[in-house]
Amino acid sequence: MSSGGLNLDALIDAIAERVAERLRAGSSSESGTVRPRLLSVAQAAQYLGRSRESVEHLIAAGKIPTVRIDRRVFLDLIDLDRLIEDSKMGTI
């Protein structure tokens, strides 16, 4: 489809390729830093937009699994994203 010299299909393909490139890059940003998969309770609270106490309550209630390494407690981003997805209500 062409409109005034603009090829809409080519534009859509170019945008799709840029999105795919960013997805392939995964958690790496353009600066080369890696986004950690495991977050501390405080970091998880910030990620979820909740207080630290609220996240500790979710952990104690068994709503979020934890990863324990030595004596430290971490939360997996995948589990946090699953909690978000499972908590969605309504239809779009």
PDB file of N, CA and C in Angstrom:
ATOM      1  N   MET A   1       0.861  -1.168   0.000  1.00  0.00           N
ATOM      2  CA  MET A   1       0.000   0.000   0.000  1.00  0.00           C
ATOM      3  C   MET A   1       0.901   1.223   0.000  1.00  0.00           C
ATOM      4  N   SER A   2       0.634   2.158  -0.881  1.00  0.00           N
ATOM      5  CA  SER A   2       1.465   3.345  -0.994  1.00  0.00           C
ATOM      6  C   SER A   2       0.587   4.585  -0.909  1.00  0.00           C
ATOM      7  N   SER A   3       1.076   5.579  -0.194  1.00  0.00           N
ATOM      8  CA  SER A   3       0.316   6.813  -0.044  1.00  0.00           C
ATOM      9  C   SER A   3       1.271   7.988  -0.127  1.00  0.00           C
ATOM     10  N   GLY A   4       1.273   8.677  -1.285  1.00  0.00           N
ATOM     11  CA  GLY A   4       2.121   9.846  -1.441  1.00  0.00           C
ATOM     12  C   GLY A   4       3.600   9.522  -1.287  1.00  0.00           C
ATOM     13  N   GLY A   5       4.033   8.390  -1.820  1.00  0.00           N
ATOM     14  CA  GLY A   5       5.434   8.013  -1.733  1.00  0.00           C
ATOM     15  C   GLY A   5       5.795   7.267  -0.457  1.00  0.00           C
ATOM     16  N   LEU A   6       4.861   7.126   0.465  1.00  0.00           N
ATOM     17  CA  LEU A   6       5.109   6.407   1.714  1.00  0.00           C
ATOM     18  C   LEU A   6       4.588   4.986   1.581  1.00  0.00           C
ATOM     19  N   ASN A   7       5.463   4.029   1.748  1.00  0.00           N
ATOM     20  CA  ASN A   7       5.068   2.631   1.674  1.00  0.00           C
ATOM     21  C   ASN A   7       4.745   2.169   3.081  1.00  0.00           C
ATOM     22  N   LEU A   8       3.468   2.054   3.375  1.00  0.00           N
ATOM     23  CA  LEU A   8       3.012   1.706   4.716  1.00  0.00           C
ATOM     24  C   LEU A   8       3.511   0.335   5.146  1.00  0.00           C
ATOM     25  N   ASP A   9       3.487  -0.630   4.257  1.00  0.00           N
ATOM     26  CA  ASP A   9       3.976  -1.971   4.594  1.00  0.00           C
ATOM     27  C   ASP A   9       5.456  -1.946   4.976  1.00  0.00           C
ATOM     28  N   ALA A  10       6.254  -1.194   4.255  1.00  0.00           N
ATOM     29  CA  ALA A  10       7.677  -1.097   4.567  1.00  0.00           C
ATOM     30  C   ALA A  10       7.883  -0.432   5.924  1.00  0.00           C
ATOM     31  N   LEU A  11       7.080   0.577   6.228  1.00  0.00           N
ATOM     32  CA  LEU A  11       7.175   1.255   7.517  1.00  0.00           C
ATOM     33  C   LEU A  11       6.820   0.301   8.655  1.00  0.00           C
ATOM     34  N   ILE A  12       5.735  -0.456   8.475  1.00  0.00           N
ATOM     35  CA  ILE A  12       5.327  -1.424   9.500  1.00  0.00           C
ATOM     36  C   ILE A  12       6.402  -2.480   9.690  1.00  0.00           C
ATOM     37  N   ASP A  13       6.981  -2.974   8.591  1.00  0.00           N
ATOM     38  CA  ASP A  13       8.055  -3.972   8.681  1.00  0.00           C
ATOM     39  C   ASP A  13       9.271  -3.413   9.416  1.00  0.00           C
ATOM     40  N   ALA A  14       9.609  -2.159   9.131  1.00  0.00           N
ATOM     41  CA  ALA A  14      10.761  -1.543   9.795  1.00  0.00           C
ATOM     42  C   ALA A  14      10.514  -1.397  11.294  1.00  0.00           C
ATOM     43  N   ILE A  15       9.314  -0.992  11.666  1.00  0.00           N
ATOM     44  CA  ILE A  15       8.971  -0.860  13.088  1.00  0.00           C
ATOM     45  C   ILE A  15       8.994  -2.228  13.756  1.00  0.00           C
ATOM     46  N   ALA A  16       8.420  -3.232  13.100  1.00  0.00           N
ATOM     47  CA  ALA A  16       8.401  -4.585  13.665  1.00  0.00           C
ATOM     48  C   ALA A  16       9.824  -5.102  13.869  1.00  0.00           C
ATOM     49  N   GLU A  17      10.710  -4.830  12.942  1.00  0.00           N
ATOM     50  CA  GLU A  17      12.101  -5.280  13.080  1.00  0.00           C
ATOM     51  C   GLU A  17      12.791  -4.598  14.260  1.00  0.00           C
ATOM     52  N   ARG A  18      12.544  -3.299  14.442  1.00  0.00           N
ATOM     53  CA  ARG A  18      13.130  -2.579  15.588  1.00  0.00           C
ATOM     54  C   ARG A  18      12.624  -3.143  16.906  1.00  0.00           C
ATOM     55  N   VAL A  19      11.323  -3.456  16.969  1.00  0.00           N
ATOM     56  CA  VAL A  19      10.747  -4.043  18.181  1.00  0.00           C
ATOM     57  C   VAL A  19      11.387  -5.404  18.433  1.00  0.00           C
ATOM     58  N   ALA A  20      11.520  -6.210  17.390  1.00  0.00           N
ATOM     59  CA  ALA A  20      12.135  -7.534  17.527  1.00  0.00           C
ATOM     60  C   ALA A  20      13.581  -7.421  18.005  1.00  0.00           C
ATOM     61  N   GLU A  21      14.317  -6.446  17.503  1.00  0.00           N
ATOM     62  CA  GLU A  21      15.704  -6.235  17.942  1.00  0.00           C
ATOM     63  C   GLU A  21      15.761  -5.938  19.436  1.00  0.00           C
ATOM     64  N   ARG A  22      14.871  -5.092  19.889  1.00  0.00           N
ATOM     65  CA  ARG A  22      14.849  -4.747  21.316  1.00  0.00           C
ATOM     66  C   ARG A  22      14.465  -5.948  22.166  1.00  0.00           C
ATOM     67  N   LEU A  23      13.530  -6.756  21.693  1.00  0.00           N
ATOM     68  CA  LEU A  23      13.142  -7.953  22.435  1.00  0.00           C
ATOM     69  C   LEU A  23      14.287  -8.962  22.473  1.00  0.00           C
ATOM     70  N   ARG A  24      14.993  -9.100  21.356  1.00  0.00           N
ATOM     71  CA  ARG A  24      16.142 -10.020  21.319  1.00  0.00           C
ATOM     72  C   ARG A  24      17.238  -9.553  22.274  1.00  0.00           C
ATOM     73  N   ALA A  25      17.359  -8.251  22.431  1.00  0.00           N
ATOM     74  CA  ALA A  25      18.370  -7.709  23.336  1.00  0.00           C
ATOM     75  C   ALA A  25      18.049  -8.078  24.777  1.00  0.00           C
ATOM     76  N   GLY A  26      16.783  -8.444  25.035  1.00  0.00           N
ATOM     77  CA  GLY A  26      16.367  -8.902  26.363  1.00  0.00           C
ATOM     78  C   GLY A  26      16.500  -7.824  27.398  1.00  0.00           C
ATOM     79  N   SER A  27      17.152  -8.157  28.499  1.00  0.00           N
ATOM     80  CA  SER A  27      17.236  -7.240  29.616  1.00  0.00           C
ATOM     81  C   SER A  27      18.401  -6.266  29.495  1.00  0.00           C
ATOM     82  N   SER A  28      19.171  -6.356  28.433  1.00  0.00           N
ATOM     83  CA  SER A  28      20.293  -5.434  28.275  1.00  0.00           C
ATOM     84  C   SER A  28      19.802  -4.118  27.707  1.00  0.00           C
ATOM     85  N   SER A  29      20.284  -3.062  28.259  1.00  0.00           N
ATOM     86  CA  SER A  29      19.944  -1.751  27.717  1.00  0.00           C
ATOM     87  C   SER A  29      21.042  -1.329  26.756  1.00  0.00           C
ATOM     88  N   GLU A  30      20.847  -0.204  26.106  1.00  0.00           N
ATOM     89  CA  GLU A  30      21.839   0.274  25.155  1.00  0.00           C
ATOM     90  C   GLU A  30      23.162   0.598  25.828  1.00  0.00           C
ATOM     91  N   SER A  31      23.159   0.870  27.121  1.00  0.00           N
ATOM     92  CA  SER A  31      24.401   1.185  27.818  1.00  0.00           C
ATOM     93  C   SER A  31      25.187  -0.076  28.165  1.00  0.00           C
ATOM     94  N   GLY A  32      24.615  -1.245  27.905  1.00  0.00           N
ATOM     95  CA  GLY A  32      25.314  -2.493  28.165  1.00  0.00           C
ATOM     96  C   GLY A  32      25.091  -3.039  29.562  1.00  0.00           C
ATOM     97  N   THR A  33      24.268  -2.389  30.369  1.00  0.00           N
ATOM     98  CA  THR A  33      24.005  -2.898  31.705  1.00  0.00           C
ATOM     99  C   THR A  33      22.977  -4.006  31.635  1.00  0.00           C
ATOM    100  N   VAL A  34      23.062  -4.921  32.559  1.00  0.00           N
ATOM    101  CA  VAL A  34      22.140  -6.057  32.603  1.00  0.00           C
ATOM    102  C   VAL A  34      21.138  -5.828  33.710  1.00  0.00           C
ATOM    103  N   ARG A  35      19.863  -6.013  33.388  1.00  0.00           N
ATOM    104  CA  ARG A  35      18.805  -5.898  34.394  1.00  0.00           C
ATOM    105  C   ARG A  35      18.780  -7.190  35.189  1.00  0.00           C
ATOM    106  N   PRO A  36      18.906  -7.113  36.508  1.00  0.00           N
ATOM    107  CA  PRO A  36      18.932  -8.341  37.304  1.00  0.00           C
ATOM    108  C   PRO A  36      17.589  -9.060  37.270  1.00  0.00           C
ATOM    109  N   ARG A  37      17.645 -10.388  37.295  1.00  0.00           N
ATOM    110  CA  ARG A  37      16.412 -11.179  37.336  1.00  0.00           C
ATOM    111  C   ARG A  37      15.896 -11.295  38.756  1.00  0.00           C
ATOM    112  N   LEU A  38      16.806 -11.346  39.721  1.00  0.00           N
ATOM    113  CA  LEU A  38      16.416 -11.447  41.126  1.00  0.00           C
ATOM    114  C   LEU A  38      16.464 -10.074  41.771  1.00  0.00           C
ATOM    115  N   LEU A  39      15.410  -9.749  42.507  1.00  0.00           N
ATOM    116  CA  LEU A  39      15.327  -8.460  43.181  1.00  0.00           C
ATOM    117  C   LEU A  39      15.250  -8.665  44.680  1.00  0.00           C
ATOM    118  N   SER A  40      15.794  -7.717  45.424  1.00  0.00           N
ATOM    119  CA  SER A  40      15.619  -7.718  46.873  1.00  0.00           C
ATOM    120  C   SER A  40      14.160  -7.384  47.165  1.00  0.00           C
ATOM    121  N   VAL A  41      13.751  -7.556  48.401  1.00  0.00           N
ATOM    122  CA  VAL A  41      12.369  -7.232  48.776  1.00  0.00           C
ATOM    123  C   VAL A  41      12.101  -5.751  48.512  1.00  0.00           C
ATOM    124  N   ALA A  42      13.051  -4.892  48.836  1.00  0.00           N
ATOM    125  CA  ALA A  42      12.874  -3.448  48.610  1.00  0.00           C
ATOM    126  C   ALA A  42      12.758  -3.135  47.120  1.00  0.00           C
ATOM    127  N   GLN A  43      13.587  -3.779  46.297  1.00  0.00           N
ATOM    128  CA  GLN A  43      13.519  -3.562  44.854  1.00  0.00           C
ATOM    129  C   GLN A  43      12.194  -4.087  44.290  1.00  0.00           C
ATOM    130  N   ALA A  44      11.758  -5.243  44.776  1.00  0.00           N
ATOM    131  CA  ALA A  44      10.483  -5.814  44.326  1.00  0.00           C
ATOM    132  C   ALA A  44       9.330  -4.894  44.692  1.00  0.00           C
ATOM    133  N   ALA A  45       9.400  -4.304  45.878  1.00  0.00           N
ATOM    134  CA  ALA A  45       8.355  -3.375  46.301  1.00  0.00           C
ATOM    135  C   ALA A  45       8.296  -2.182  45.345  1.00  0.00           C
ATOM    136  N   GLN A  46       9.435  -1.663  44.988  1.00  0.00           N
ATOM    137  CA  GLN A  46       9.477  -0.542  44.054  1.00  0.00           C
ATOM    138  C   GLN A  46       8.946  -0.979  42.690  1.00  0.00           C
ATOM    139  N   TYR A  47       9.326  -2.161  42.228  1.00  0.00           N
ATOM    140  CA  TYR A  47       8.871  -2.696  40.941  1.00  0.00           C
ATOM    141  C   TYR A  47       7.341  -2.819  40.900  1.00  0.00           C
ATOM    142  N   LEU A  48       6.767  -3.271  42.010  1.00  0.00           N
ATOM    143  CA  LEU A  48       5.317  -3.458  42.083  1.00  0.00           C
ATOM    144  C   LEU A  48       4.557  -2.191  42.457  1.00  0.00           C
ATOM    145  N   GLY A  49       5.287  -1.163  42.898  1.00  0.00           N
ATOM    146  CA  GLY A  49       4.629   0.062  43.342  1.00  0.00           C
ATOM    147  C   GLY A  49       3.940  -0.122  44.683  1.00  0.00           C
ATOM    148  N   ARG A  50       4.509  -0.963  45.526  1.00  0.00           N
ATOM    149  CA  ARG A  50       3.941  -1.271  46.844  1.00  0.00           C
ATOM    150  C   ARG A  50       4.983  -0.945  47.907  1.00  0.00           C
ATOM    151  N   SER A  51       4.571  -0.983  49.157  1.00  0.00           N
ATOM    152  CA  SER A  51       5.528  -0.772  50.244  1.00  0.00           C
ATOM    153  C   SER A  51       6.285  -2.076  50.499  1.00  0.00           C
ATOM    154  N   ARG A  52       7.414  -1.954  51.164  1.00  0.00           N
ATOM    155  CA  ARG A  52       8.193  -3.134  51.529  1.00  0.00           C
ATOM    156  C   ARG A  52       7.359  -4.054  52.424  1.00  0.00           C
ATOM    157  N   GLU A  53       6.627  -3.457  53.360  1.00  0.00           N
ATOM    158  CA  GLU A  53       5.795  -4.236  54.273  1.00  0.00           C
ATOM    159  C   GLU A  53       4.717  -5.010  53.511  1.00  0.00           C
ATOM    160  N   SER A  54       4.158  -4.392  52.506  1.00  0.00           N
ATOM    161  CA  SER A  54       3.131  -5.045  51.695  1.00  0.00           C
ATOM    162  C   SER A  54       3.705  -6.265  50.974  1.00  0.00           C
ATOM    163  N   VAL A  55       4.895  -6.124  50.431  1.00  0.00           N
ATOM    164  CA  VAL A  55       5.544  -7.248  49.751  1.00  0.00           C
ATOM    165  C   VAL A  55       5.895  -8.345  50.756  1.00  0.00           C
ATOM    166  N   GLU A  56       6.363  -7.962  51.933  1.00  0.00           N
ATOM    167  CA  GLU A  56       6.652  -8.960  52.972  1.00  0.00           C
ATOM    168  C   GLU A  56       5.381  -9.721  53.349  1.00  0.00           C
ATOM    169  N   HIS A  57       4.249  -9.030  53.372  1.00  0.00           N
ATOM    170  CA  HIS A  57       2.968  -9.678  53.658  1.00  0.00           C
ATOM    171  C   HIS A  57       2.610 -10.679  52.547  1.00  0.00           C
ATOM    172  N   LEU A  58       2.810 -10.289  51.299  1.00  0.00           N
ATOM    173  CA  LEU A  58       2.544 -11.191  50.180  1.00  0.00           C
ATOM    174  C   LEU A  58       3.433 -12.436  50.251  1.00  0.00           C
ATOM    175  N   ILE A  59       4.677 -12.252  50.670  1.00  0.00           N
ATOM    176  CA  ILE A  59       5.598 -13.387  50.821  1.00  0.00           C
ATOM    177  C   ILE A  59       5.111 -14.302  51.931  1.00  0.00           C
ATOM    178  N   ALA A  60       4.771 -13.713  53.091  1.00  0.00           N
ATOM    179  CA  ALA A  60       4.316 -14.503  54.244  1.00  0.00           C
ATOM    180  C   ALA A  60       3.030 -15.257  53.928  1.00  0.00           C
ATOM    181  N   ALA A  61       2.181 -14.682  53.085  1.00  0.00           N
ATOM    182  CA  ALA A  61       0.922 -15.320  52.711  1.00  0.00           C
ATOM    183  C   ALA A  61       1.117 -16.375  51.622  1.00  0.00           C
ATOM    184  N   GLY A  62       2.339 -16.509  51.124  1.00  0.00           N
ATOM    185  CA  GLY A  62       2.627 -17.500  50.091  1.00  0.00           C
ATOM    186  C   GLY A  62       2.178 -17.092  48.703  1.00  0.00           C
ATOM    187  N   LYS A  63       1.927 -15.804  48.497  1.00  0.00           N
ATOM    188  CA  LYS A  63       1.465 -15.329  47.193  1.00  0.00           C
ATOM    189  C   LYS A  63       2.608 -15.059  46.227  1.00  0.00           C
ATOM    190  N   ILE A  64       3.808 -14.905  46.769  1.00  0.00           N
ATOM    191  CA  ILE A  64       5.002 -14.712  45.940  1.00  0.00           C
ATOM    192  C   ILE A  64       6.066 -15.683  46.428  1.00  0.00           C
ATOM    193  N   PRO A  65       6.563 -16.553  45.559  1.00  0.00           N
ATOM    194  CA  PRO A  65       7.652 -17.442  45.974  1.00  0.00           C
ATOM    195  C   PRO A  65       8.950 -16.652  46.143  1.00  0.00           C
ATOM    196  N   THR A  66       9.822 -17.152  46.970  1.00  0.00           N
ATOM    197  CA  THR A  66      11.106 -16.487  47.198  1.00  0.00           C
ATOM    198  C   THR A  66      12.251 -17.383  46.756  1.00  0.00           C
ATOM    199  N   VAL A  67      13.371 -16.738  46.514  1.00  0.00           N
ATOM    200  CA  VAL A  67      14.632 -17.421  46.226  1.00  0.00           C
ATOM    201  C   VAL A  67      15.552 -17.059  47.378  1.00  0.00           C
ATOM    202  N   ARG A  68      16.027 -18.070  48.074  1.00  0.00           N
ATOM    203  CA  ARG A  68      16.905 -17.812  49.217  1.00  0.00           C
ATOM    204  C   ARG A  68      18.318 -18.276  48.879  1.00  0.00           C
ATOM    205  N   ILE A  69      19.223 -17.320  48.915  1.00  0.00           N
ATOM    206  CA  ILE A  69      20.636 -17.596  48.661  1.00  0.00           C
ATOM    207  C   ILE A  69      21.390 -17.131  49.894  1.00  0.00           C
ATOM    208  N   ASP A  70      22.063 -18.074  50.517  1.00  0.00           N
ATOM    209  CA  ASP A  70      22.674 -17.835  51.823  1.00  0.00           C
ATOM    210  C   ASP A  70      21.557 -17.372  52.765  1.00  0.00           C
ATOM    211  N   ARG A  71      21.684 -16.204  53.325  1.00  0.00           N
ATOM    212  CA  ARG A  71      20.648 -15.713  54.245  1.00  0.00           C
ATOM    213  C   ARG A  71      19.802 -14.615  53.627  1.00  0.00           C
ATOM    214  N   ARG A  72      20.036 -14.367  52.354  1.00  0.00           N
ATOM    215  CA  ARG A  72      19.312 -13.284  51.683  1.00  0.00           C
ATOM    216  C   ARG A  72      18.079 -13.810  50.964  1.00  0.00           C
ATOM    217  N   VAL A  73      17.049 -12.969  50.909  1.00  0.00           N
ATOM    218  CA  VAL A  73      15.790 -13.319  50.263  1.00  0.00           C
ATOM    219  C   VAL A  73      15.649 -12.473  48.999  1.00  0.00           C
ATOM    220  N   PHE A  74      15.349 -13.137  47.894  1.00  0.00           N
ATOM    221  CA  PHE A  74      15.162 -12.467  46.615  1.00  0.00           C
ATOM    222  C   PHE A  74      13.825 -12.875  46.023  1.00  0.00           C
ATOM    223  N   LEU A  75      13.353 -12.047  45.102  1.00  0.00           N
ATOM    224  CA  LEU A  75      12.132 -12.363  44.355  1.00  0.00           C
ATOM    225  C   LEU A  75      12.477 -12.347  42.874  1.00  0.00           C
ATOM    226  N   ASP A  76      11.964 -13.342  42.167  1.00  0.00           N
ATOM    227  CA  ASP A  76      12.226 -13.502  40.739  1.00  0.00           C
ATOM    228  C   ASP A  76      11.275 -12.598  39.955  1.00  0.00           C
ATOM    229  N   LEU A  77      11.821 -11.851  39.001  1.00  0.00           N
ATOM    230  CA  LEU A  77      10.994 -10.973  38.168  1.00  0.00           C
ATOM    231  C   LEU A  77       9.886 -11.748  37.469  1.00  0.00           C
ATOM    232  N   ILE A  78      10.158 -12.966  37.079  1.00  0.00           N
ATOM    233  CA  ILE A  78       9.139 -13.776  36.396  1.00  0.00           C
ATOM    234  C   ILE A  78       7.950 -14.007  37.321  1.00  0.00           C
ATOM    235  N   ASP A  79       8.230 -14.291  38.603  1.00  0.00           N
ATOM    236  CA  ASP A  79       7.149 -14.487  39.570  1.00  0.00           C
ATOM    237  C   ASP A  79       6.379 -13.195  39.816  1.00  0.00           C
ATOM    238  N   LEU A  80       7.080 -12.065  39.844  1.00  0.00           N
ATOM    239  CA  LEU A  80       6.410 -10.777  40.037  1.00  0.00           C
ATOM    240  C   LEU A  80       5.514 -10.458  38.838  1.00  0.00           C
ATOM    241  N   ASP A  81       6.024 -10.722  37.634  1.00  0.00           N
ATOM    242  CA  ASP A  81       5.214 -10.482  36.441  1.00  0.00           C
ATOM    243  C   ASP A  81       3.999 -11.416  36.415  1.00  0.00           C
ATOM    244  N   ARG A  82       4.180 -12.656  36.863  1.00  0.00           N
ATOM    245  CA  ARG A  82       3.060 -13.603  36.918  1.00  0.00           C
ATOM    246  C   ARG A  82       2.005 -13.109  37.902  1.00  0.00           C
ATOM    247  N   LEU A  83       2.446 -12.590  39.053  1.00  0.00           N
ATOM    248  CA  LEU A  83       1.519 -12.038  40.037  1.00  0.00           C
ATOM    249  C   LEU A  83       0.701 -10.907  39.423  1.00  0.00           C
ATOM    250  N   ILE A  84       1.372 -10.054  38.678  1.00  0.00           N
ATOM    251  CA  ILE A  84       0.691  -8.939  38.012  1.00  0.00           C
ATOM    252  C   ILE A  84      -0.337  -9.467  37.018  1.00  0.00           C
ATOM    253  N   GLU A  85       0.072 -10.405  36.174  1.00  0.00           N
ATOM    254  CA  GLU A  85      -0.839 -10.959  35.171  1.00  0.00           C
ATOM    255  C   GLU A  85      -2.028 -11.652  35.822  1.00  0.00           C
ATOM    256  N   ASP A  86      -1.761 -12.436  36.866  1.00  0.00           N
ATOM    257  CA  ASP A  86      -2.833 -13.173  37.546  1.00  0.00           C
ATOM    258  C   ASP A  86      -3.794 -12.245  38.292  1.00  0.00           C
ATOM    259  N   SER A  87      -3.346 -11.049  38.608  1.00  0.00           N
ATOM    260  CA  SER A  87      -4.180 -10.100  39.366  1.00  0.00           C
ATOM    261  C   SER A  87      -5.032  -9.199  38.479  1.00  0.00           C
ATOM    262  N   LYS A  88      -4.824  -9.285  37.171  1.00  0.00           N
ATOM    263  CA  LYS A  88      -5.593  -8.437  36.258  1.00  0.00           C
ATOM    264  C   LYS A  88      -7.054  -8.873  36.269  1.00  0.00           C
ATOM    265  N   MET A  89      -7.920  -7.875  36.218  1.00  0.00           N
ATOM    266  CA  MET A  89      -9.365  -8.128  36.225  1.00  0.00           C
ATOM    267  C   MET A  89     -10.025  -7.360  35.091  1.00  0.00           C
ATOM    268  N   GLY A  90     -11.172  -7.818  34.691  1.00  0.00           N
ATOM    269  CA  GLY A  90     -11.952  -7.103  33.689  1.00  0.00           C
ATOM    270  C   GLY A  90     -11.543  -7.460  32.280  1.00  0.00           C
ATOM    271  N   THR A  91     -12.228  -6.867  31.358  1.00  0.00           N
ATOM    272  CA  THR A  91     -11.942  -7.079  29.953  1.00  0.00           C
ATOM    273  C   THR A  91     -11.574  -5.766  29.301  1.00  0.00           C
ATOM    274  N   ILE A  92     -10.910  -5.898  28.199  1.00  0.00           N
ATOM    275  CA  ILE A  92     -10.476  -4.703  27.472  1.00  0.00           C
ATOM    276  C   ILE A  92     -11.424  -4.434  26.333  1.00  0.00           C
TER     277      ILE A  92
END
